[in-house]
Amino acid sequence: MDHDIRIKRLRFRAWHRGTREADLMIGGFFDAHHERWSAGELDWFEALLEEQDVDIMGWAIGSIPCPPEWNGEMMQAMRAITYVPLPE
């Protein structure tokens, strides 16, 4: 598949998850990082989109344990973009 077409499809899938919260988290992560991703990282993200939103969001915010196959540099980057410290 042409790279530009793949990016457009991934962007659409990242921003049309079913809930606004998932759209913002997953789509926002995609928009912030995809330009620097390798083909392997694009593969990882594309596979991640097959998972349930509640799981992806839980792994990213740390409310549920992240399976080893998803826990790595890409998930760390997703966690960094979704972390918002609570006021003291």
PDB file of N, CA and C in Angstrom:
ATOM      1  N   MET A   1       0.851  -1.177   0.000  1.00  0.00           N
ATOM      2  CA  MET A   1       0.000   0.000   0.000  1.00  0.00           C
ATOM      3  C   MET A   1       0.897   1.240   0.000  1.00  0.00           C
ATOM      4  N   ASP A   2       0.489   2.232  -0.724  1.00  0.00           N
ATOM      5  CA  ASP A   2       1.193   3.499  -0.777  1.00  0.00           C
ATOM      6  C   ASP A   2       1.268   4.101   0.630  1.00  0.00           C
ATOM      7  N   HIS A   3       2.423   4.680   0.973  1.00  0.00           N
ATOM      8  CA  HIS A   3       2.641   5.238   2.315  1.00  0.00           C
ATOM      9  C   HIS A   3       1.615   6.319   2.662  1.00  0.00           C
ATOM     10  N   ASP A   4       1.355   7.225   1.741  1.00  0.00           N
ATOM     11  CA  ASP A   4       0.401   8.308   2.015  1.00  0.00           C
ATOM     12  C   ASP A   4      -1.010   7.780   2.265  1.00  0.00           C
ATOM     13  N   ILE A   5      -1.405   6.780   1.515  1.00  0.00           N
ATOM     14  CA  ILE A   5      -2.728   6.179   1.717  1.00  0.00           C
ATOM     15  C   ILE A   5      -2.784   5.491   3.074  1.00  0.00           C
ATOM     16  N   ARG A   6      -1.702   4.787   3.418  1.00  0.00           N
ATOM     17  CA  ARG A   6      -1.656   4.106   4.726  1.00  0.00           C
ATOM     18  C   ARG A   6      -1.785   5.123   5.857  1.00  0.00           C
ATOM     19  N   ILE A   7      -1.072   6.240   5.774  1.00  0.00           N
ATOM     20  CA  ILE A   7      -1.141   7.270   6.807  1.00  0.00           C
ATOM     21  C   ILE A   7      -2.557   7.836   6.911  1.00  0.00           C
ATOM     22  N   LYS A   8      -3.192   8.099   5.794  1.00  0.00           N
ATOM     23  CA  LYS A   8      -4.567   8.615   5.815  1.00  0.00           C
ATOM     24  C   LYS A   8      -5.515   7.631   6.466  1.00  0.00           C
ATOM     25  N   ARG A   9      -5.358   6.350   6.162  1.00  0.00           N
ATOM     26  CA  ARG A   9      -6.221   5.331   6.770  1.00  0.00           C
ATOM     27  C   ARG A   9      -5.977   5.224   8.268  1.00  0.00           C
ATOM     28  N   LEU A  10      -4.705   5.244   8.665  1.00  0.00           N
ATOM     29  CA  LEU A  10      -4.391   5.169  10.092  1.00  0.00           C
ATOM     30  C   LEU A  10      -4.920   6.388  10.831  1.00  0.00           C
ATOM     31  N   ARG A  11      -4.777   7.571  10.237  1.00  0.00           N
ATOM     32  CA  ARG A  11      -5.299   8.789  10.871  1.00  0.00           C
ATOM     33  C   ARG A  11      -6.820   8.681  11.050  1.00  0.00           C
ATOM     34  N   PHE A  12      -7.509   8.228  10.017  1.00  0.00           N
ATOM     35  CA  PHE A  12      -8.958   8.079  10.123  1.00  0.00           C
ATOM     36  C   PHE A  12      -9.312   7.107  11.243  1.00  0.00           C
ATOM     37  N   ARG A  13      -8.657   5.950  11.256  1.00  0.00           N
ATOM     38  CA  ARG A  13      -8.955   4.944  12.287  1.00  0.00           C
ATOM     39  C   ARG A  13      -8.601   5.441  13.684  1.00  0.00           C
ATOM     40  N   ALA A  14      -7.532   6.235  13.799  1.00  0.00           N
ATOM     41  CA  ALA A  14      -7.116   6.753  15.101  1.00  0.00           C
ATOM     42  C   ALA A  14      -8.107   7.783  15.629  1.00  0.00           C
ATOM     43  N   TRP A  15      -8.723   8.552  14.732  1.00  0.00           N
ATOM     44  CA  TRP A  15      -9.638   9.623  15.140  1.00  0.00           C
ATOM     45  C   TRP A  15     -11.108   9.217  15.123  1.00  0.00           C
ATOM     46  N   HIS A  16     -11.426   7.995  14.754  1.00  0.00           N
ATOM     47  CA  HIS A  16     -12.822   7.531  14.708  1.00  0.00           C
ATOM     48  C   HIS A  16     -12.947   6.229  15.488  1.00  0.00           C
ATOM     49  N   ARG A  17     -12.750   6.329  16.790  1.00  0.00           N
ATOM     50  CA  ARG A  17     -12.724   5.157  17.653  1.00  0.00           C
ATOM     51  C   ARG A  17     -14.098   4.815  18.222  1.00  0.00           C
ATOM     52  N   GLY A  18     -14.936   5.786  18.387  1.00  0.00           N
ATOM     53  CA  GLY A  18     -16.257   5.496  18.934  1.00  0.00           C
ATOM     54  C   GLY A  18     -16.611   6.347  20.133  1.00  0.00           C
ATOM     55  N   THR A  19     -15.583   6.823  20.844  1.00  0.00           N
ATOM     56  CA  THR A  19     -15.834   7.770  21.936  1.00  0.00           C
ATOM     57  C   THR A  19     -14.896   8.952  21.752  1.00  0.00           C
ATOM     58  N   ARG A  20     -15.318  10.093  22.195  1.00  0.00           N
ATOM     59  CA  ARG A  20     -14.499  11.302  22.047  1.00  0.00           C
ATOM     60  C   ARG A  20     -13.190  11.169  22.816  1.00  0.00           C
ATOM     61  N   GLU A  21     -13.244  10.545  23.994  1.00  0.00           N
ATOM     62  CA  GLU A  21     -12.043  10.378  24.802  1.00  0.00           C
ATOM     63  C   GLU A  21     -11.001   9.535  24.073  1.00  0.00           C
ATOM     64  N   ALA A  22     -11.451   8.433  23.474  1.00  0.00           N
ATOM     65  CA  ALA A  22     -10.531   7.566  22.726  1.00  0.00           C
ATOM     66  C   ALA A  22     -10.017   8.281  21.487  1.00  0.00           C
ATOM     67  N   ASP A  23     -10.893   9.022  20.821  1.00  0.00           N
ATOM     68  CA  ASP A  23     -10.458   9.786  19.645  1.00  0.00           C
ATOM     69  C   ASP A  23      -9.325  10.740  20.024  1.00  0.00           C
ATOM     70  N   LEU A  24      -9.511  11.475  21.112  1.00  0.00           N
ATOM     71  CA  LEU A  24      -8.513  12.455  21.524  1.00  0.00           C
ATOM     72  C   LEU A  24      -7.202  11.796  21.936  1.00  0.00           C
ATOM     73  N   MET A  25      -7.283  10.710  22.683  1.00  0.00           N
ATOM     74  CA  MET A  25      -6.070  10.046  23.153  1.00  0.00           C
ATOM     75  C   MET A  25      -5.318   9.381  22.003  1.00  0.00           C
ATOM     76  N   ILE A  26      -5.996   8.546  21.253  1.00  0.00           N
ATOM     77  CA  ILE A  26      -5.349   7.751  20.212  1.00  0.00           C
ATOM     78  C   ILE A  26      -5.044   8.606  18.990  1.00  0.00           C
ATOM     79  N   GLY A  27      -6.003   9.420  18.579  1.00  0.00           N
ATOM     80  CA  GLY A  27      -5.781  10.311  17.450  1.00  0.00           C
ATOM     81  C   GLY A  27      -4.732  11.369  17.752  1.00  0.00           C
ATOM     82  N   GLY A  28      -4.789  11.904  18.962  1.00  0.00           N
ATOM     83  CA  GLY A  28      -3.789  12.899  19.363  1.00  0.00           C
ATOM     84  C   GLY A  28      -2.391  12.322  19.392  1.00  0.00           C
ATOM     85  N   PHE A  29      -2.267  11.092  19.892  1.00  0.00           N
ATOM     86  CA  PHE A  29      -0.977  10.404  19.896  1.00  0.00           C
ATOM     87  C   PHE A  29      -0.468  10.212  18.468  1.00  0.00           C
ATOM     88  N   PHE A  30      -1.355   9.765  17.591  1.00  0.00           N
ATOM     89  CA  PHE A  30      -0.972   9.568  16.192  1.00  0.00           C
ATOM     90  C   PHE A  30      -0.475  10.875  15.575  1.00  0.00           C
ATOM     91  N   ASP A  31      -1.257  11.931  15.725  1.00  0.00           N
ATOM     92  CA  ASP A  31      -0.888  13.212  15.123  1.00  0.00           C
ATOM     93  C   ASP A  31       0.430  13.748  15.670  1.00  0.00           C
ATOM     94  N   ALA A  32       0.685  13.531  16.943  1.00  0.00           N
ATOM     95  CA  ALA A  32       1.899  14.060  17.563  1.00  0.00           C
ATOM     96  C   ALA A  32       3.161  13.310  17.150  1.00  0.00           C
ATOM     97  N   HIS A  33       3.020  12.038  16.754  1.00  0.00           N
ATOM     98  CA  HIS A  33       4.213  11.209  16.580  1.00  0.00           C
ATOM     99  C   HIS A  33       4.398  10.540  15.224  1.00  0.00           C
ATOM    100  N   HIS A  34       3.372  10.367  14.440  1.00  0.00           N
ATOM    101  CA  HIS A  34       3.469   9.468  13.284  1.00  0.00           C
ATOM    102  C   HIS A  34       4.520   9.873  12.251  1.00  0.00           C
ATOM    103  N   GLU A  35       4.824  11.145  12.152  1.00  0.00           N
ATOM    104  CA  GLU A  35       5.780  11.587  11.132  1.00  0.00           C
ATOM    105  C   GLU A  35       7.186  11.044  11.376  1.00  0.00           C
ATOM    106  N   ARG A  36       7.492  10.678  12.610  1.00  0.00           N
ATOM    107  CA  ARG A  36       8.816  10.161  12.942  1.00  0.00           C
ATOM    108  C   ARG A  36       8.866   8.637  13.010  1.00  0.00           C
ATOM    109  N   TRP A  37       7.725   7.977  12.810  1.00  0.00           N
ATOM    110  CA  TRP A  37       7.686   6.527  12.966  1.00  0.00           C
ATOM    111  C   TRP A  37       8.305   5.801  11.785  1.00  0.00           C
ATOM    112  N   SER A  38       8.957   4.694  12.116  1.00  0.00           N
ATOM    113  CA  SER A  38       9.474   3.781  11.099  1.00  0.00           C
ATOM    114  C   SER A  38       8.325   2.899  10.606  1.00  0.00           C
ATOM    115  N   ALA A  39       8.608   2.099   9.595  1.00  0.00           N
ATOM    116  CA  ALA A  39       7.589   1.166   9.090  1.00  0.00           C
ATOM    117  C   ALA A  39       7.174   0.194  10.196  1.00  0.00           C
ATOM    118  N   GLY A  40       8.125  -0.247  11.006  1.00  0.00           N
ATOM    119  CA  GLY A  40       7.801  -1.157  12.111  1.00  0.00           C
ATOM    120  C   GLY A  40       6.916  -0.510  13.160  1.00  0.00           C
ATOM    121  N   GLU A  41       7.154   0.755  13.434  1.00  0.00           N
ATOM    122  CA  GLU A  41       6.323   1.471  14.399  1.00  0.00           C
ATOM    123  C   GLU A  41       4.930   1.712  13.845  1.00  0.00           C
ATOM    124  N   LEU A  42       4.840   1.964  12.556  1.00  0.00           N
ATOM    125  CA  LEU A  42       3.511   2.071  11.930  1.00  0.00           C
ATOM    126  C   LEU A  42       2.776   0.739  12.024  1.00  0.00           C
ATOM    127  N   ASP A  43       3.499  -0.363  11.824  1.00  0.00           N
ATOM    128  CA  ASP A  43       2.902  -1.699  11.967  1.00  0.00           C
ATOM    129  C   ASP A  43       2.368  -1.894  13.380  1.00  0.00           C
ATOM    130  N   TRP A  44       3.168  -1.489  14.374  1.00  0.00           N
ATOM    131  CA  TRP A  44       2.765  -1.623  15.776  1.00  0.00           C
ATOM    132  C   TRP A  44       1.471  -0.849  16.023  1.00  0.00           C
ATOM    133  N   PHE A  45       1.434   0.401  15.562  1.00  0.00           N
ATOM    134  CA  PHE A  45       0.260   1.229  15.781  1.00  0.00           C
ATOM    135  C   PHE A  45      -0.960   0.651  15.069  1.00  0.00           C
ATOM    136  N   GLU A  46      -0.761   0.187  13.856  1.00  0.00           N
ATOM    137  CA  GLU A  46      -1.866  -0.404  13.104  1.00  0.00           C
ATOM    138  C   GLU A  46      -2.426  -1.619  13.822  1.00  0.00           C
ATOM    139  N   ALA A  47      -1.565  -2.444  14.383  1.00  0.00           N
ATOM    140  CA  ALA A  47      -2.015  -3.608  15.150  1.00  0.00           C
ATOM    141  C   ALA A  47      -2.705  -3.172  16.446  1.00  0.00           C
ATOM    142  N   LEU A  48      -2.179  -2.128  17.086  1.00  0.00           N
ATOM    143  CA  LEU A  48      -2.794  -1.625  18.320  1.00  0.00           C
ATOM    144  C   LEU A  48      -4.235  -1.197  18.078  1.00  0.00           C
ATOM    145  N   LEU A  49      -4.502  -0.631  16.911  1.00  0.00           N
ATOM    146  CA  LEU A  49      -5.857  -0.161  16.599  1.00  0.00           C
ATOM    147  C   LEU A  49      -6.871  -1.299  16.549  1.00  0.00           C
ATOM    148  N   GLU A  50      -6.413  -2.530  16.486  1.00  0.00           N
ATOM    149  CA  GLU A  50      -7.313  -3.686  16.510  1.00  0.00           C
ATOM    150  C   GLU A  50      -7.781  -4.013  17.925  1.00  0.00           C
ATOM    151  N   GLU A  51      -7.099  -3.462  18.924  1.00  0.00           N
ATOM    152  CA  GLU A  51      -7.461  -3.703  20.319  1.00  0.00           C
ATOM    153  C   GLU A  51      -8.657  -2.838  20.715  1.00  0.00           C
ATOM    154  N   GLN A  52      -9.276  -3.194  21.810  1.00  0.00           N
ATOM    155  CA  GLN A  52     -10.415  -2.444  22.321  1.00  0.00           C
ATOM    156  C   GLN A  52      -9.957  -1.103  22.896  1.00  0.00           C
ATOM    157  N   ASP A  53     -10.738  -0.061  22.651  1.00  0.00           N
ATOM    158  CA  ASP A  53     -10.393   1.272  23.140  1.00  0.00           C
ATOM    159  C   ASP A  53     -10.197   1.302  24.645  1.00  0.00           C
ATOM    160  N   VAL A  54     -11.063   0.632  25.367  1.00  0.00           N
ATOM    161  CA  VAL A  54     -10.968   0.639  26.826  1.00  0.00           C
ATOM    162  C   VAL A  54      -9.637   0.045  27.269  1.00  0.00           C
ATOM    163  N   ASP A  55      -9.144  -0.955  26.556  1.00  0.00           N
ATOM    164  CA  ASP A  55      -7.849  -1.542  26.899  1.00  0.00           C
ATOM    165  C   ASP A  55      -6.709  -0.586  26.566  1.00  0.00           C
ATOM    166  N   ILE A  56      -6.734  -0.028  25.364  1.00  0.00           N
ATOM    167  CA  ILE A  56      -5.680   0.908  24.962  1.00  0.00           C
ATOM    168  C   ILE A  56      -5.610   2.073  25.942  1.00  0.00           C
ATOM    169  N   MET A  57      -6.752   2.630  26.266  1.00  0.00           N
ATOM    170  CA  MET A  57      -6.781   3.763  27.181  1.00  0.00           C
ATOM    171  C   MET A  57      -6.307   3.364  28.574  1.00  0.00           C
ATOM    172  N   GLY A  58      -6.716   2.202  29.037  1.00  0.00           N
ATOM    173  CA  GLY A  58      -6.271   1.711  30.343  1.00  0.00           C
ATOM    174  C   GLY A  58      -4.770   1.492  30.399  1.00  0.00           C
ATOM    175  N   TRP A  59      -4.217   0.920  29.328  1.00  0.00           N
ATOM    176  CA  TRP A  59      -2.762   0.720  29.279  1.00  0.00           C
ATOM    177  C   TRP A  59      -2.039   2.054  29.263  1.00  0.00           C
ATOM    178  N   ALA A  60      -2.581   3.018  28.521  1.00  0.00           N
ATOM    179  CA  ALA A  60      -1.920   4.316  28.371  1.00  0.00           C
ATOM    180  C   ALA A  60      -1.957   5.137  29.656  1.00  0.00           C
ATOM    181  N   ILE A  61      -3.050   5.073  30.386  1.00  0.00           N
ATOM    182  CA  ILE A  61      -3.127   5.860  31.625  1.00  0.00           C
ATOM    183  C   ILE A  61      -2.673   5.067  32.839  1.00  0.00           C
ATOM    184  N   GLY A  62      -2.415   3.775  32.648  1.00  0.00           N
ATOM    185  CA  GLY A  62      -1.892   2.952  33.731  1.00  0.00           C
ATOM    186  C   GLY A  62      -2.929   2.399  34.680  1.00  0.00           C
ATOM    187  N   SER A  63      -4.197   2.424  34.301  1.00  0.00           N
ATOM    188  CA  SER A  63      -5.232   1.898  35.193  1.00  0.00           C
ATOM    189  C   SER A  63      -5.356   0.378  35.117  1.00  0.00           C
ATOM    190  N   ILE A  64      -4.833  -0.213  34.054  1.00  0.00           N
ATOM    191  CA  ILE A  64      -4.769  -1.675  33.939  1.00  0.00           C
ATOM    192  C   ILE A  64      -3.383  -2.053  33.426  1.00  0.00           C
ATOM    193  N   PRO A  65      -2.894  -3.230  33.825  1.00  0.00           N
ATOM    194  CA  PRO A  65      -1.559  -3.644  33.373  1.00  0.00           C
ATOM    195  C   PRO A  65      -1.502  -3.801  31.853  1.00  0.00           C
ATOM    196  N   CYS A  66      -0.406  -3.363  31.290  1.00  0.00           N
ATOM    197  CA  CYS A  66      -0.205  -3.441  29.847  1.00  0.00           C
ATOM    198  C   CYS A  66       0.454  -4.782  29.505  1.00  0.00           C
ATOM    199  N   PRO A  67      -0.123  -5.537  28.569  1.00  0.00           N
ATOM    200  CA  PRO A  67       0.496  -6.797  28.157  1.00  0.00           C
ATOM    201  C   PRO A  67       1.888  -6.554  27.572  1.00  0.00           C
ATOM    202  N   PRO A  68       2.794  -7.507  27.740  1.00  0.00           N
ATOM    203  CA  PRO A  68       4.171  -7.330  27.268  1.00  0.00           C
ATOM    204  C   PRO A  68       4.288  -6.986  25.784  1.00  0.00           C
ATOM    205  N   GLU A  69       3.396  -7.519  24.957  1.00  0.00           N
ATOM    206  CA  GLU A  69       3.491  -7.257  23.522  1.00  0.00           C
ATOM    207  C   GLU A  69       3.202  -5.803  23.161  1.00  0.00           C
ATOM    208  N   TRP A  70       2.565  -5.077  24.046  1.00  0.00           N
ATOM    209  CA  TRP A  70       2.262  -3.669  23.786  1.00  0.00           C
ATOM    210  C   TRP A  70       3.130  -2.729  24.613  1.00  0.00           C
ATOM    211  N   ASN A  71       3.751  -3.253  25.632  1.00  0.00           N
ATOM    212  CA  ASN A  71       4.511  -2.427  26.561  1.00  0.00           C
ATOM    213  C   ASN A  71       5.933  -2.235  26.040  1.00  0.00           C
ATOM    214  N   GLY A  72       6.236  -1.041  25.589  1.00  0.00           N
ATOM    215  CA  GLY A  72       7.551  -0.720  25.046  1.00  0.00           C
ATOM    216  C   GLY A  72       7.663   0.770  24.807  1.00  0.00           C
ATOM    217  N   GLU A  73       8.581   1.144  23.938  1.00  0.00           N
ATOM    218  CA  GLU A  73       8.820   2.563  23.679  1.00  0.00           C
ATOM    219  C   GLU A  73       7.586   3.293  23.162  1.00  0.00           C
ATOM    220  N   MET A  74       6.832   2.636  22.293  1.00  0.00           N
ATOM    221  CA  MET A  74       5.647   3.294  21.729  1.00  0.00           C
ATOM    222  C   MET A  74       4.594   3.535  22.814  1.00  0.00           C
ATOM    223  N   MET A  75       4.365   2.558  23.677  1.00  0.00           N
ATOM    224  CA  MET A  75       3.393   2.751  24.753  1.00  0.00           C
ATOM    225  C   MET A  75       3.905   3.787  25.742  1.00  0.00           C
ATOM    226  N   GLN A  76       5.207   3.819  25.985  1.00  0.00           N
ATOM    227  CA  GLN A  76       5.774   4.850  26.861  1.00  0.00           C
ATOM    228  C   GLN A  76       5.512   6.242  26.281  1.00  0.00           C
ATOM    229  N   ALA A  77       5.650   6.368  24.967  1.00  0.00           N
ATOM    230  CA  ALA A  77       5.363   7.659  24.320  1.00  0.00           C
ATOM    231  C   ALA A  77       3.891   8.012  24.452  1.00  0.00           C
ATOM    232  N   MET A  78       3.018   7.009  24.338  1.00  0.00           N
ATOM    233  CA  MET A  78       1.583   7.266  24.497  1.00  0.00           C
ATOM    234  C   MET A  78       1.286   7.684  25.931  1.00  0.00           C
ATOM    235  N   ARG A  79       1.936   7.034  26.877  1.00  0.00           N
ATOM    236  CA  ARG A  79       1.733   7.414  28.277  1.00  0.00           C
ATOM    237  C   ARG A  79       2.195   8.840  28.529  1.00  0.00           C
ATOM    238  N   ALA A  80       3.297   9.227  27.939  1.00  0.00           N
ATOM    239  CA  ALA A  80       3.835  10.569  28.156  1.00  0.00           C
ATOM    240  C   ALA A  80       2.897  11.642  27.629  1.00  0.00           C
ATOM    241  N   ILE A  81       2.246  11.392  26.525  1.00  0.00           N
ATOM    242  CA  ILE A  81       1.348  12.383  25.935  1.00  0.00           C
ATOM    243  C   ILE A  81       0.009  12.435  26.674  1.00  0.00           C
ATOM    244  N   THR A  82      -0.346  11.380  27.397  1.00  0.00           N
ATOM    245  CA  THR A  82      -1.639  11.354  28.078  1.00  0.00           C
ATOM    246  C   THR A  82      -1.532  11.691  29.555  1.00  0.00           C
ATOM    247  N   TYR A  83      -0.316  11.845  30.078  1.00  0.00           N
ATOM    248  CA  TYR A  83      -0.139  12.104  31.508  1.00  0.00           C
ATOM    249  C   TYR A  83      -0.436  13.565  31.809  1.00  0.00           C
ATOM    250  N   VAL A  84      -1.361  13.761  32.717  1.00  0.00           N
ATOM    251  CA  VAL A  84      -1.677  15.116  33.187  1.00  0.00           C
ATOM    252  C   VAL A  84      -1.652  15.064  34.708  1.00  0.00           C
ATOM    253  N   PRO A  85      -0.665  15.717  35.333  1.00  0.00           N
ATOM    254  CA  PRO A  85      -0.597  15.676  36.794  1.00  0.00           C
ATOM    255  C   PRO A  85      -1.794  16.376  37.439  1.00  0.00           C
ATOM    256  N   LEU A  86      -2.252  15.801  38.502  1.00  0.00           N
ATOM    257  CA  LEU A  86      -3.360  16.413  39.258  1.00  0.00           C
ATOM    258  C   LEU A  86      -2.842  17.570  40.089  1.00  0.00           C
ATOM    259  N   PRO A  87      -3.638  18.614  40.246  1.00  0.00           N
ATOM    260  CA  PRO A  87      -3.216  19.730  41.092  1.00  0.00           C
ATOM    261  C   PRO A  87      -3.081  19.283  42.533  1.00  0.00           C
ATOM    262  N   GLU A  88      -2.162  19.896  43.219  1.00  0.00           N
ATOM    263  CA  GLU A  88      -1.953  19.528  44.635  1.00  0.00           C
ATOM    264  C   GLU A  88      -2.883  20.283  45.543  1.00  0.00           C
TER     265      GLU A  88
END
